[in-house]
Protein backbone atom coordinates (compact mmCIF):
# COMPACT_ATOMS: atom_id res chain seq x y z
CA UNK A 1 -16.70 -7.53 40.04
CA UNK A 2 -16.81 -5.55 36.47
CA UNK A 3 -17.22 -7.72 33.58
CA UNK A 4 -14.33 -8.44 31.59
CA UNK A 5 -14.86 -6.18 28.50
CA UNK A 6 -11.61 -7.49 26.74
CA UNK A 7 -11.79 -9.55 23.50
CA UNK A 8 -9.95 -13.13 23.52
CA UNK A 9 -7.68 -11.48 20.70
CA UNK A 10 -6.83 -8.51 23.50
CA UNK A 11 -6.28 -11.18 26.03
CA UNK A 12 -3.83 -12.54 23.59
CA UNK A 13 -1.97 -9.70 22.54
CA UNK A 14 -1.62 -8.79 26.34
CA UNK A 15 -0.11 -12.82 26.70
CA UNK A 16 2.09 -12.16 23.59
CA UNK A 17 3.58 -8.75 25.23
CA UNK A 18 4.05 -10.28 28.33
CA UNK A 19 6.09 -13.24 27.09
CA UNK A 20 7.98 -11.01 25.02
CA UNK A 21 8.98 -8.74 27.90
CA UNK A 22 10.02 -11.83 29.90
CA UNK A 23 12.39 -12.99 26.90
CA UNK A 24 13.61 -9.22 26.92
CA UNK A 25 12.39 -7.95 23.70
CA UNK A 26 12.01 -4.17 25.21
CA UNK A 27 16.03 -4.50 25.77
CA UNK A 28 17.11 -5.90 22.26
CA UNK A 29 18.46 -3.11 19.86
CA UNK A 30 16.48 -3.34 16.44
CA UNK A 31 16.52 -0.27 13.45
CA UNK A 32 13.79 2.24 14.97
CA UNK A 33 14.68 1.55 18.82
CA UNK A 34 14.02 -2.00 20.38
CA UNK A 35 12.66 -5.33 19.04
CA UNK A 36 9.73 -4.74 20.69
CA UNK A 37 8.65 -1.34 19.51
CA UNK A 38 9.43 -2.79 16.06
CA UNK A 39 7.28 -5.89 16.78
CA UNK A 40 4.54 -3.26 18.00
CA UNK A 41 4.80 -1.26 14.67
CA UNK A 42 4.09 -4.10 12.51
CA UNK A 43 1.18 -5.17 14.46
CA UNK A 44 0.21 -2.05 13.74
CA UNK A 45 0.85 -1.78 10.11
CA UNK A 46 -1.17 -5.38 9.91
CA UNK A 47 -4.05 -3.95 11.64
CA UNK A 48 -4.41 -0.85 9.30
CA UNK A 49 -4.17 -3.25 6.47
CA UNK A 50 -7.37 -5.22 7.77
CA UNK A 51 -5.60 -8.40 8.51
CA UNK A 52 -7.43 -10.94 10.71
CA UNK A 53 -6.77 -11.03 14.29
CA UNK A 54 -4.42 -14.21 13.95
CA UNK A 55 -1.97 -12.51 11.36
CA UNK A 56 -1.76 -9.55 13.41
CA UNK A 57 -0.76 -11.49 16.53
CA UNK A 58 1.70 -13.01 14.27
CA UNK A 59 2.98 -9.74 13.22
CA UNK A 60 3.65 -8.88 16.99
CA UNK A 61 5.54 -12.04 17.44
CA UNK A 62 6.95 -12.83 14.52
CA UNK A 63 10.72 -12.55 15.50
CA UNK A 64 10.23 -14.96 18.34
CA UNK A 65 12.33 -17.75 16.92
CA UNK A 66 14.61 -15.35 14.82
CA UNK A 67 14.38 -14.86 11.16
CA UNK A 68 16.93 -15.64 8.08
CA UNK A 69 17.38 -11.78 8.34
CA UNK A 70 17.48 -11.24 12.24
CA UNK A 71 19.14 -14.26 14.13
CA UNK A 72 18.33 -13.11 17.77
CA UNK A 73 15.57 -15.86 18.67
CA UNK A 74 13.73 -15.01 21.99
CA UNK A 75 13.04 -18.35 22.03
CA UNK A 76 14.06 -21.74 20.35
CA UNK A 77 11.72 -23.69 17.98
CA UNK A 78 11.87 -26.66 20.54
CA UNK A 79 9.74 -24.34 22.83
CA UNK A 80 6.95 -23.57 19.98
CA UNK A 81 4.25 -25.04 22.82
CA UNK A 82 4.84 -21.51 25.01
CA UNK A 83 4.15 -19.11 22.25
CA UNK A 84 1.21 -20.89 21.07
CA UNK A 85 -0.38 -21.25 24.62
CA UNK A 86 -0.35 -17.48 24.35
CA UNK A 87 -1.12 -16.50 21.22
CA UNK A 88 -3.14 -19.67 19.72
CA UNK A 89 -2.21 -22.12 17.17
CA UNK A 90 -3.08 -20.28 13.84
CA UNK A 91 -1.20 -17.45 15.00
CA UNK A 92 2.01 -19.44 16.20
CA UNK A 93 1.94 -21.39 12.98
CA UNK A 94 2.17 -18.03 10.70
CA UNK A 95 5.17 -17.14 13.05
CA UNK A 96 6.85 -20.29 12.57
CA UNK A 97 6.24 -20.43 9.09
CA UNK A 98 7.78 -16.85 9.07
CA UNK A 99 10.78 -17.49 10.90
CA UNK A 100 11.91 -20.98 9.23
CA UNK A 101 11.97 -19.41 5.91
CA UNK A 102 15.43 -19.91 3.74
CA UNK A 103 14.89 -16.46 2.01
CA UNK A 104 17.53 -17.18 -0.46
CA UNK A 105 16.19 -20.36 -1.61
CA UNK A 106 12.51 -19.43 -1.18
CA UNK A 107 11.71 -15.72 -2.28
CA UNK A 108 12.77 -16.14 -6.07
CA UNK A 109 9.38 -18.00 -6.47
CA UNK A 110 7.39 -17.19 -3.56
CA UNK A 111 4.83 -15.61 -5.97
CA UNK A 112 4.33 -18.89 -7.87
CA UNK A 113 1.81 -21.43 -7.16
CA UNK A 114 3.10 -24.42 -5.69
CA UNK A 115 6.78 -23.49 -5.65
CA UNK A 116 8.65 -24.67 -2.73
CA UNK A 117 9.15 -23.15 0.74
CA UNK A 118 12.63 -24.05 2.22
CA UNK A 119 12.55 -24.17 6.08
CA UNK A 120 15.74 -22.82 7.42
CA UNK A 121 15.51 -25.21 10.69
CA UNK A 122 15.03 -28.36 8.75
CA UNK A 123 16.65 -27.92 5.18
CA UNK A 124 13.40 -29.36 3.98
CA UNK A 125 11.17 -28.00 1.31
CA UNK A 126 7.57 -28.02 1.65
CA UNK A 127 4.68 -26.30 -0.41
CA UNK A 128 2.50 -24.21 1.79
CA UNK A 129 -1.16 -23.71 1.00
CA UNK A 130 -2.52 -20.48 -0.47
CA UNK A 131 -3.77 -18.83 2.86
CA UNK A 132 -0.05 -19.46 4.54
CA UNK A 133 1.27 -17.78 1.36
CA UNK A 134 -0.78 -14.99 1.66
CA UNK A 135 -0.23 -14.60 5.34
CA UNK A 136 3.58 -15.04 4.70
CA UNK A 137 3.76 -12.47 2.07
CA UNK A 138 1.74 -9.92 3.70
CA UNK A 139 3.91 -10.13 7.22
CA UNK A 140 6.79 -9.92 4.97
CA UNK A 141 5.88 -6.66 3.64
CA UNK A 142 4.59 -5.55 6.89
CA UNK A 143 8.02 -6.17 8.52
CA UNK A 144 10.34 -4.66 5.50
CA UNK A 145 8.09 -1.60 5.28
CA UNK A 146 8.45 -0.83 8.82
CA UNK A 147 12.43 -1.03 8.21
CA UNK A 148 12.09 1.01 5.15
CA UNK A 149 10.21 4.01 6.76
CA UNK A 150 12.60 4.03 9.47
CA UNK A 151 15.99 3.84 8.16
CA UNK A 152 16.77 5.75 4.81
CA UNK A 153 19.71 3.89 4.40
CA UNK A 154 17.86 0.57 4.27
CA UNK A 155 15.49 1.87 2.11
CA UNK A 156 18.08 3.08 -0.38
CA UNK A 157 20.25 -0.39 -0.15
CA UNK A 158 17.20 -2.83 -0.51
CA UNK A 159 14.21 -0.70 -1.12
CA UNK A 160 14.50 -1.79 -5.25
CA UNK A 161 14.97 -5.37 -4.24
CA UNK A 162 12.08 -5.28 -1.97
CA UNK A 163 9.87 -3.43 -4.45
CA UNK A 164 11.07 -6.20 -7.36
CA UNK A 165 10.11 -9.28 -4.63
CA UNK A 166 6.72 -7.45 -3.45
CA UNK A 167 5.77 -6.93 -7.19
CA UNK A 168 6.04 -10.68 -8.09
CA UNK A 169 4.20 -11.56 -4.95
CA UNK A 170 1.53 -8.82 -5.76
CA UNK A 171 -1.28 -11.47 -5.88
CA UNK A 172 -0.79 -12.52 -2.36
CA UNK A 173 -0.82 -9.16 -0.97
CA UNK A 174 -4.02 -7.20 0.14
CA UNK A 175 -4.73 -4.05 -1.80
CA UNK A 176 -3.66 -1.96 1.52
CA UNK A 177 -0.50 -3.79 1.61
CA UNK A 178 0.48 -3.21 -2.12
CA UNK A 179 -0.32 0.57 -1.87
CA UNK A 180 1.86 0.61 0.94
CA UNK A 181 4.49 -1.16 -1.08
CA UNK A 182 4.72 1.01 -3.92
CA UNK A 183 4.45 4.47 -1.47
CA UNK A 184 7.56 3.40 0.73
CA UNK A 185 9.66 1.62 -1.60
CA UNK A 186 9.12 3.21 -5.10
CA UNK A 187 12.31 5.15 -6.08
CA UNK A 188 11.96 8.90 -6.07
CA UNK A 189 11.42 10.75 -9.38
CA UNK A 190 14.87 12.14 -10.68
């Protein structure tokens, strides 16, 4: 028998991919192809930005419960334990925070320490800690930049607003993410 050369992170990613396929992510339409293709690109972008393993796994799984911008959930939030079993508690917690965001209520003050974060599932507000805020901002940037890279109409419509958002939350972003935001979202010179 050959030794297992995979890492725990590789194993979690494989479990996540299996669950994504079981839930039909490879057949769900999404800008740039399928939802699964999008999720993999977000995970890859986070890896390029040197994100830690839990955040990369969350990138791969960020749409499991749907989002404020993509309502098609693969799993209801009542089944969080299934995703947690696949990717671990830390990564699942990031996925849940991301999915629960009421963007209209949260985005305006997201960059301000201590600003409330409104949960779209419960309607309640809470204040995530600094690491959770950084994870949320980094995952948000990776997600939106994937869409902006692939869809010029999306970039034309939302690019300026997204650049303003990521400029406000710049202290929460890694240097790599901020550079990518400026590169992808900055308006072309006249």
